[in-house]
C-alpha cells in the first residue's frame, strides 16, 4: 500500500504538466482545423498559417508567465473556445493573452485570465473579436495593461465582449472600427480613443472607471446608445471630447459621473458636435465646456438632478452653443397650453457659481453653505452683472 501511494504522488506532477501545443499547430495544414482535447497546453505558441484552433470550451493554454500566450501572425485564422492564461508582465513588450497581427481573423468565445494585456491587435484589419471574456492581472490600476488595444488597425468589429480588472480599452491610430455591445468595469479609461476618426461606439456598458469615454483628436465619431456610470475618480467625465469635431452623441445614458459630458469649444462654429436624446442624470456637473465660444447643438436631451446642470471654464465659453427641446429637472415654468413645451424659455445664469468655475481651486467649496448663501444673495440683489450661460427657447416638460 505504501508503494502505491508513493507511485501515485510521484505521478501527480506529470499528470498536471501542460501538454505541448506548438507541434500540434505546426502539424495542422493550412485551412485545417485543430480541435483540442480537454486539458492544459503549454504556451507561448504562434499560429503562422490560416487554420482553426478550437478549444471546444475545455482546453486551456498556459503561458506560465512568459511573454504573449498566443500570437496570431497570419490571416484567415479562427480561435475559439479556449481559456488563455498566464501572460508575462512586461509593458515594454506588451505581453498579452492573444496578439493579432493579420487580417480577416475571428477570435470568439474565449476566456482570457491573468493576462497583462488582453487582446492586442497590431496592424490588423477586418478582424472580428466577438463574445470573449478578459480579466486582467490582479495589480494596482496603474500597473495593469489594456483589456483590448488596437494600434494602426482598420475595419475591425469588437462586439459582445466582457472586460474587467484592466487599465483601458485603447484605440490608437485606428480609424473606421466598430465597438458595440461590450461591457467593461473596474478600469481607468472605459475607452481611450486617440487619432482614430470615424469609429462607431454603440451599445456599450462602462461602469466604475475613472473616465468613461475619452476622445482625443478623432473626428466624425458616432457615440450612440451607451451607458456610462460611476466615473468619479480623478474628476472623471462620462464622455470627454478634445479637438474631435463633427461627432454624433446620441441616446446615451450618463449617470453618476463627476462630469456627464466635457467638451472643448472650437474657435469657430464649424466642426461641431450634435448631442441629442441623451440622459445626463445625478452627475456632479451635467455638461462642462472649456475653450472658445463653441457652436455645438444640444437637442432633446434630459438633464436630471445634476448638482450643477451646466458649467464653463470662463465667462463666454460655449456662448454660441445651440440649446433646444431639452428637458431640465430644475425648470420652473409651466405648460398651460399642454403642448409639452414650457411656456417660457429655460435660462441658466451665472451668479456666485462663477467663482468656482473660473477659479478651479475654489471648487473644493462648491455647494458649501458659504457659497450657497453667497449665491442666494447674488440672485436676490446682484452686486455684479450675472452672465447668461444658456437659453433653451423650447424646454420640454416631463
Protein backbone atom coordinates (compact mmCIF):
# COMPACT_ATOMS: atom_id res chain seq x y z
CA UNK A 1 0.00 0.00 0.00
CA UNK A 2 2.83 2.40 0.88
CA UNK A 3 4.41 1.74 -2.53
CA UNK A 4 1.08 2.51 -4.26
CA UNK A 5 0.71 5.93 -2.63
CA UNK A 6 4.34 6.77 -3.36
CA UNK A 7 3.83 5.95 -7.04
CA UNK A 8 0.57 7.98 -7.06
CA UNK A 9 2.10 11.17 -5.66
CA UNK A 10 5.16 10.84 -7.89
CA UNK A 11 2.85 10.70 -10.89
CA UNK A 12 0.90 13.89 -9.96
CA UNK A 13 3.37 16.43 -11.47
CA UNK A 14 3.42 14.50 -14.73
CA UNK A 15 -0.39 14.45 -14.85
CA UNK A 16 -0.59 18.20 -14.13
CA UNK A 17 2.10 19.27 -16.59
CA UNK A 18 0.70 21.08 -19.67
CA UNK A 19 0.90 19.24 -22.97
CA UNK A 20 2.99 20.60 -25.87
CA UNK A 21 0.86 22.59 -28.31
CA UNK A 22 3.19 24.26 -30.83
CA UNK A 23 3.96 20.95 -32.55
CA UNK A 24 0.24 20.25 -32.98
CA UNK A 25 -0.29 23.70 -34.51
CA UNK A 26 2.67 23.28 -36.86
CA UNK A 27 1.33 19.89 -37.98
CA UNK A 28 -2.09 21.32 -38.91
CA UNK A 29 -2.29 22.02 -42.67
CA UNK A 30 -3.29 25.43 -44.00
CA UNK A 31 -7.04 25.77 -43.81
CA UNK A 32 -7.31 22.82 -41.43
CA UNK A 33 -8.95 22.56 -38.01
CA UNK A 34 -7.24 21.58 -34.78
CA UNK A 35 -9.74 20.55 -32.12
CA UNK A 36 -8.07 20.23 -28.78
CA UNK A 37 -8.98 17.55 -26.30
CA UNK A 38 -9.81 18.78 -22.77
CA UNK A 39 -6.71 19.65 -20.76
CA UNK A 40 -3.84 22.07 -20.27
CA UNK A 41 -1.47 23.01 -23.08
CA UNK A 42 1.85 24.81 -22.91
CA UNK A 43 2.35 28.30 -24.28
CA UNK A 44 3.58 30.62 -25.64
CA UNK A 45 2.51 29.46 -29.13
CA UNK A 46 2.35 31.05 -32.58
CA UNK A 47 -0.12 30.48 -35.42
CA UNK A 48 1.54 31.36 -38.72
CA UNK A 49 -0.92 29.97 -41.30
CA UNK A 50 -4.70 30.07 -41.88
CA UNK A 51 -6.36 27.49 -39.64
CA UNK A 52 -8.97 26.97 -36.93
CA UNK A 53 -7.90 26.36 -33.34
CA UNK A 54 -10.90 25.14 -31.36
CA UNK A 55 -10.66 24.51 -27.64
CA UNK A 56 -14.28 23.31 -27.52
CA UNK A 57 -14.67 25.18 -24.24
CA UNK A 58 -12.47 22.73 -22.31
CA UNK A 59 -8.87 23.42 -23.35
CA UNK A 60 -6.53 25.82 -21.59
CA UNK A 61 -3.30 27.37 -22.86
CA UNK A 62 -0.98 28.39 -20.02
CA UNK A 63 1.75 30.90 -20.77
CA UNK A 64 3.48 30.28 -17.42
CA UNK A 65 4.20 34.00 -17.07
CA UNK A 66 6.33 34.26 -20.22
CA UNK A 67 5.56 36.81 -22.96
CA UNK A 68 2.40 36.68 -25.06
CA UNK A 69 0.49 33.41 -24.67
CA UNK A 70 -0.96 33.07 -28.20
CA UNK A 71 0.23 35.07 -31.22
CA UNK A 72 -1.74 35.03 -34.48
CA UNK A 73 0.62 36.07 -37.26
CA UNK A 74 -1.49 35.13 -40.29
CA UNK A 75 -4.81 35.94 -41.91
CA UNK A 76 -7.93 33.80 -42.01
CA UNK A 77 -7.37 32.28 -38.56
CA UNK A 78 -10.19 31.29 -36.18
CA UNK A 79 -9.52 30.94 -32.45
CA UNK A 80 -12.48 29.88 -30.34
CA UNK A 81 -13.45 28.09 -27.17
CA UNK A 82 -10.11 28.46 -25.38
CA UNK A 83 -9.03 29.57 -21.93
CA UNK A 84 -5.83 31.61 -22.33
CA UNK A 85 -3.97 32.41 -19.12
CA UNK A 86 -0.68 33.45 -17.59
CA UNK A 87 0.94 36.06 -19.82
CA UNK A 88 4.17 37.82 -18.91
CA UNK A 89 4.24 41.14 -17.08
CA UNK A 90 6.27 43.39 -19.39
CA UNK A 91 4.68 46.64 -20.57
CA UNK A 92 7.61 47.24 -22.92
CA UNK A 93 6.92 44.08 -24.93
CA UNK A 94 3.12 44.38 -24.43
CA UNK A 95 2.71 40.86 -23.05
CA UNK A 96 -0.83 39.83 -23.93
CA UNK A 97 -3.22 36.94 -23.85
CA UNK A 98 -3.79 36.98 -27.62
CA UNK A 99 -1.87 39.05 -30.18
CA UNK A 100 -3.38 39.50 -33.66
CA UNK A 101 -1.03 40.61 -36.45
CA UNK A 102 -3.05 39.77 -39.52
CA UNK A 103 -6.29 40.39 -41.39
CA UNK A 104 -9.68 38.67 -41.53
CA UNK A 105 -9.28 36.65 -38.33
CA UNK A 106 -12.06 35.54 -35.97
CA UNK A 107 -11.43 35.48 -32.22
CA UNK A 108 -14.59 34.35 -30.44
CA UNK A 109 -15.90 32.85 -27.23
CA UNK A 110 -12.55 32.66 -25.46
CA UNK A 111 -11.75 33.32 -21.81
CA UNK A 112 -8.58 35.27 -21.04
CA UNK A 113 -7.47 35.48 -17.42
CA UNK A 114 -4.38 36.55 -15.50
CA UNK A 115 -3.09 38.46 -18.55
CA UNK A 116 -1.34 41.84 -18.54
CA UNK A 117 -2.85 42.98 -21.86
CA UNK A 118 -5.86 41.04 -23.03
CA UNK A 119 -6.37 41.25 -26.81
CA UNK A 120 -3.77 43.19 -28.80
CA UNK A 121 -4.48 43.95 -32.47
CA UNK A 122 -1.38 45.34 -34.17
CA UNK A 123 -1.75 46.40 -37.81
CA UNK A 124 -4.68 44.06 -38.26
CA UNK A 125 -7.70 44.79 -40.45
CA UNK A 126 -11.21 43.34 -40.78
CA UNK A 127 -10.79 41.12 -37.72
CA UNK A 128 -13.81 40.08 -35.67
CA UNK A 129 -13.39 39.87 -31.90
CA UNK A 130 -16.64 38.51 -30.51
CA UNK A 131 -18.01 37.32 -27.16
CA UNK A 132 -14.71 36.93 -25.31
CA UNK A 133 -14.19 37.48 -21.60
CA UNK A 134 -10.98 39.18 -20.45
CA UNK A 135 -9.83 39.53 -16.84
CA UNK A 136 -6.52 41.27 -16.19
CA UNK A 137 -3.87 40.58 -13.61
CA UNK A 138 -4.61 41.44 -10.02
CA UNK A 139 -2.43 44.56 -9.90
CA UNK A 140 -2.85 48.20 -8.89
CA UNK A 141 -4.64 50.22 -11.55
CA UNK A 142 -1.53 51.98 -12.88
CA UNK A 143 0.35 48.71 -13.36
CA UNK A 144 -2.33 46.93 -15.36
CA UNK A 145 -2.39 46.60 -19.13
CA UNK A 146 -5.24 47.29 -21.55
CA UNK A 147 -8.05 44.77 -21.82
CA UNK A 148 -8.03 45.40 -25.57
CA UNK A 149 -5.64 47.51 -27.61
CA UNK A 150 -5.91 48.37 -31.31
CA UNK A 151 -2.97 50.05 -32.99
CA UNK A 152 -2.91 51.09 -36.66
CA UNK A 153 -5.84 48.78 -37.41
CA UNK A 154 -8.95 49.37 -39.53
CA UNK A 155 -12.42 47.93 -40.12
CA UNK A 156 -12.39 45.64 -37.11
CA UNK A 157 -15.51 44.58 -35.22
CA UNK A 158 -15.27 44.43 -31.42
CA UNK A 159 -18.61 43.13 -30.19
CA UNK A 160 -20.19 41.41 -27.22
CA UNK A 161 -17.05 41.11 -25.09
CA UNK A 162 -16.79 41.42 -21.30
CA UNK A 163 -13.72 43.18 -19.89
CA UNK A 164 -12.85 43.56 -16.23
CA UNK A 165 -9.93 44.47 -13.98
CA UNK A 166 -7.81 46.19 -16.62
CA UNK A 167 -6.45 49.65 -17.32
CA UNK A 168 -8.12 50.90 -20.53
CA UNK A 169 -9.79 49.90 -23.75
CA UNK A 170 -7.41 51.67 -26.14
CA UNK A 171 -7.90 52.51 -29.83
CA UNK A 172 -4.90 54.38 -31.24
CA UNK A 173 -4.33 55.40 -34.87
CA UNK A 174 -7.18 53.04 -35.76
CA UNK A 175 -9.97 54.61 -37.82
CA UNK A 176 -13.18 53.02 -39.12
CA UNK A 177 -13.71 50.40 -36.41
CA UNK A 178 -16.95 49.37 -34.73
CA UNK A 179 -17.10 48.79 -30.96
CA UNK A 180 -20.54 47.54 -29.97
CA UNK A 181 -22.27 45.77 -27.12
CA UNK A 182 -19.22 45.37 -24.87
CA UNK A 183 -19.06 45.62 -21.09
CA UNK A 184 -16.16 46.96 -19.00
CA UNK A 185 -15.85 47.62 -15.30
CA UNK A 186 -13.02 48.26 -12.86
CA UNK A 187 -10.63 50.27 -15.01
CA UNK A 188 -9.12 53.69 -15.65
CA UNK A 189 -10.49 54.81 -19.05
CA UNK A 190 -13.54 52.95 -20.24
CA UNK A 191 -12.44 53.76 -23.79
CA UNK A 192 -9.35 55.73 -24.76
CA UNK A 193 -9.70 56.84 -28.40
CA UNK A 194 -6.71 58.67 -29.92
CA UNK A 195 -6.23 59.70 -33.58
CA UNK A 196 -8.97 57.25 -34.60
CA UNK A 197 -11.65 59.00 -36.69
CA UNK A 198 -14.97 57.53 -37.83
CA UNK A 199 -15.37 54.98 -35.05
CA UNK A 200 -18.83 53.72 -34.19
CA UNK A 201 -19.15 53.23 -30.42
CA UNK A 202 -22.60 51.79 -29.78
CA UNK A 203 -24.46 49.94 -27.06
CA UNK A 204 -21.55 49.52 -24.66
CA UNK A 205 -21.81 49.46 -20.86
CA UNK A 206 -18.96 51.10 -18.92
CA UNK A 207 -19.10 51.21 -15.13
CA UNK A 208 -16.76 52.06 -12.25
CA UNK A 209 -13.95 53.50 -14.36
CA UNK A 210 -12.07 56.74 -13.78
CA UNK A 211 -13.35 58.17 -17.09
CA UNK A 212 -15.98 56.67 -19.36
CA UNK A 213 -15.12 57.51 -22.98
CA UNK A 214 -12.34 59.98 -23.77
CA UNK A 215 -11.90 61.05 -27.39
CA UNK A 216 -8.72 62.87 -28.46
CA UNK A 217 -8.11 64.23 -32.00
CA UNK A 218 -10.62 61.80 -33.53
CA UNK A 219 -13.34 63.48 -35.63
CA UNK A 220 -16.50 62.02 -37.14
CA UNK A 221 -17.31 59.61 -34.32
CA UNK A 222 -20.71 58.12 -33.59
CA UNK A 223 -21.28 57.54 -29.87
CA UNK A 224 -24.75 56.05 -29.55
CA UNK A 225 -26.78 54.11 -27.00
CA UNK A 226 -24.01 53.60 -24.42
CA UNK A 227 -24.35 53.50 -20.66
CA UNK A 228 -21.57 55.20 -18.70
CA UNK A 229 -21.96 55.11 -14.93
CA UNK A 230 -19.92 55.84 -11.80
CA UNK A 231 -16.95 57.52 -13.49
CA UNK A 232 -15.96 59.53 -10.44
CA UNK A 233 -12.23 59.05 -9.84
CA UNK A 234 -9.82 61.86 -10.64
CA UNK A 235 -12.54 64.24 -11.82
CA UNK A 236 -13.62 61.67 -14.38
CA UNK A 237 -16.03 62.52 -17.17
CA UNK A 238 -18.64 60.23 -18.62
CA UNK A 239 -17.83 61.33 -22.19
CA UNK A 240 -14.93 63.70 -22.94
CA UNK A 241 -14.13 65.26 -26.34
CA UNK A 242 -10.89 67.10 -27.08
CA UNK A 243 -10.44 68.57 -30.58
CA UNK A 244 -12.67 65.87 -32.03
CA UNK A 245 -15.32 67.57 -34.11
CA UNK A 246 -18.29 66.52 -36.23
CA UNK A 247 -19.33 63.78 -33.81
CA UNK A 248 -22.81 62.50 -33.07
CA UNK A 249 -23.51 61.81 -29.38
CA UNK A 250 -26.95 60.24 -29.29
CA UNK A 251 -29.22 58.29 -26.92
CA UNK A 252 -26.58 57.64 -24.27
CA UNK A 253 -27.15 57.44 -20.52
CA UNK A 254 -24.50 59.20 -18.43
CA UNK A 255 -25.21 58.58 -14.75
CA UNK A 256 -23.37 59.45 -11.54
CA UNK A 257 -20.14 60.80 -13.02
CA UNK A 258 -18.01 63.74 -11.99
CA UNK A 259 -18.94 65.37 -15.33
CA UNK A 260 -21.52 63.95 -17.71
CA UNK A 261 -20.16 65.47 -20.92
CA UNK A 262 -16.96 67.50 -21.11
CA UNK A 263 -16.04 69.14 -24.39
CA UNK A 264 -13.85 71.91 -25.72
CA UNK A 265 -15.49 74.61 -27.80
CA UNK A 266 -13.91 75.23 -31.21
CA UNK A 267 -12.86 78.80 -32.10
CA UNK A 268 -15.40 78.89 -34.94
CA UNK A 269 -18.89 77.31 -35.10
CA UNK A 270 -17.75 74.66 -37.56
CA UNK A 271 -16.95 71.03 -36.96
CA UNK A 272 -19.32 70.94 -34.00
CA UNK A 273 -20.90 68.12 -32.02
CA UNK A 274 -24.53 67.10 -32.28
CA UNK A 275 -25.71 65.99 -28.85
CA UNK A 276 -29.29 64.70 -28.79
CA UNK A 277 -31.53 62.28 -26.99
CA UNK A 278 -29.09 61.68 -24.13
CA UNK A 279 -29.82 61.41 -20.42
CA UNK A 280 -27.44 63.19 -18.03
CA UNK A 281 -28.55 62.29 -14.52
CA UNK A 282 -27.15 62.56 -10.97
CA UNK A 283 -23.75 63.85 -12.09
CA UNK A 284 -21.77 66.47 -10.22
CA UNK A 285 -21.85 68.56 -13.43
CA UNK A 286 -24.15 67.63 -16.28
CA UNK A 287 -22.11 69.25 -19.07
CA UNK A 288 -18.91 71.29 -18.90
CA UNK A 289 -17.30 73.44 -21.61
CA UNK A 290 -13.82 74.86 -21.88
CA UNK A 291 -12.17 76.89 -24.64
CA UNK A 292 -13.89 79.29 -27.02
CA UNK A 293 -17.48 80.23 -27.79
CA UNK A 294 -18.36 76.89 -29.36
CA UNK A 295 -21.38 76.19 -31.53
CA UNK A 296 -22.38 72.63 -30.55
CA UNK A 297 -26.04 71.60 -30.83
CA UNK A 298 -27.96 70.19 -27.85
CA UNK A 299 -31.39 68.86 -28.71
CA UNK A 300 -33.92 66.70 -26.83
CA UNK A 301 -31.55 65.74 -24.01
CA UNK A 302 -32.62 65.17 -20.41
CA UNK A 303 -30.70 66.95 -17.65
CA UNK A 304 -31.97 65.35 -14.46
CA UNK A 305 -30.89 66.20 -10.91
CA UNK A 306 -27.28 67.06 -11.64
CA UNK A 307 -25.66 69.02 -8.83
CA UNK A 308 -24.75 71.65 -11.45
CA UNK A 309 -26.54 71.33 -14.76
CA UNK A 310 -24.01 73.16 -16.96
CA UNK A 311 -20.60 74.66 -16.17
CA UNK A 312 -17.97 76.61 -18.11
CA UNK A 313 -14.30 77.37 -17.66
CA UNK A 314 -14.82 81.14 -18.09
CA UNK A 315 -17.48 83.65 -19.00
CA UNK A 316 -18.17 83.47 -22.74
CA UNK A 317 -17.13 79.86 -23.14
CA UNK A 318 -19.80 77.92 -25.02
CA UNK A 319 -21.87 81.05 -25.67
CA UNK A 320 -22.53 80.01 -29.28
CA UNK A 321 -23.91 76.59 -28.34
CA UNK A 322 -27.47 75.94 -29.51
CA UNK A 323 -29.98 74.55 -26.99
CA UNK A 324 -33.50 73.46 -27.96
CA UNK A 325 -36.07 71.00 -26.77
CA UNK A 326 -34.15 69.71 -23.76
CA UNK A 327 -35.75 68.57 -20.52
CA UNK A 328 -34.49 70.27 -17.32
CA UNK A 329 -35.32 68.95 -13.88
CA UNK A 330 -34.90 72.46 -12.43
CA UNK A 331 -37.16 74.21 -14.95
CA UNK A 332 -39.58 76.47 -13.07
CA UNK A 333 -42.05 77.31 -15.82
CA UNK A 334 -45.49 75.99 -16.76
CA UNK A 335 -47.15 74.38 -19.76
CA UNK A 336 -50.59 75.99 -19.74
CA UNK A 337 -51.46 75.00 -23.32
CA UNK A 338 -50.40 71.37 -22.71
CA UNK A 339 -48.29 71.11 -25.85
CA UNK A 340 -45.38 69.53 -23.97
CA UNK A 341 -43.24 72.68 -24.31
CA UNK A 342 -42.63 75.12 -21.49
CA UNK A 343 -44.36 78.46 -21.85
CA UNK A 344 -41.16 80.39 -21.08
CA UNK A 345 -37.55 79.68 -22.07
CA UNK A 346 -35.24 77.90 -19.66
CA UNK A 347 -32.29 80.10 -18.78
CA UNK A 348 -29.21 79.42 -16.70
CA UNK A 349 -27.42 82.46 -15.30
CA UNK A 350 -24.06 82.53 -13.60
CA UNK A 351 -24.07 84.31 -10.25
CA UNK A 352 -21.71 83.37 -7.43
CA UNK A 353 -21.07 79.99 -9.08
CA UNK A 354 -18.71 81.86 -11.42
CA UNK A 355 -16.23 81.81 -8.52
CA UNK A 356 -15.57 78.06 -8.63
CA UNK A 357 -15.95 77.81 -12.40
CA UNK A 358 -13.34 80.48 -13.09
CA UNK A 359 -11.06 79.67 -10.14
CA UNK A 360 -10.66 75.87 -10.04
CA UNK A 361 -9.07 75.86 -6.56
CA UNK A 362 -12.33 77.12 -5.06
CA UNK A 363 -14.23 74.09 -6.41
CA UNK A 364 -13.47 72.42 -3.09
CA UNK A 365 -16.03 74.76 -1.52
CA UNK A 366 -18.67 74.19 -4.19
CA UNK A 367 -22.14 73.73 -2.64
CA UNK A 368 -20.79 74.62 0.77
CA UNK A 369 -23.12 76.71 3.00
CA UNK A 370 -20.95 79.78 2.49
CA UNK A 371 -21.09 79.67 -1.32
CA UNK A 372 -24.77 78.71 -1.29
CA UNK A 373 -25.52 81.76 0.86
CA UNK A 374 -23.41 83.98 -1.41
CA UNK A 375 -25.21 82.63 -4.45
CA UNK A 376 -28.58 83.29 -2.82
CA UNK A 377 -27.62 86.88 -2.03
CA UNK A 378 -26.33 87.37 -5.56
CA UNK A 379 -29.63 86.26 -7.03
CA UNK A 380 -31.59 88.35 -4.55
CA UNK A 381 -29.61 91.54 -5.10
CA UNK A 382 -26.76 91.10 -7.61
CA UNK A 383 -23.68 93.15 -6.81
CA UNK A 384 -22.15 92.11 -10.15
CA UNK A 385 -23.72 91.61 -13.53
CA UNK A 386 -24.84 87.98 -13.94
CA UNK A 387 -23.87 86.14 -17.09
CA UNK A 388 -26.33 84.21 -19.26
CA UNK A 389 -24.89 80.73 -19.74
CA UNK A 390 -27.59 79.23 -21.94
CA UNK A 391 -31.12 79.78 -23.14
CA UNK A 392 -33.34 76.90 -24.24
CA UNK A 393 -36.22 78.55 -26.06
CA UNK A 394 -38.39 75.41 -26.13
CA UNK A 395 -37.77 73.34 -23.00
CA UNK A 396 -39.65 70.09 -22.89
CA UNK A 397 -41.85 69.24 -19.94
CA UNK A 398 -41.84 65.79 -18.35
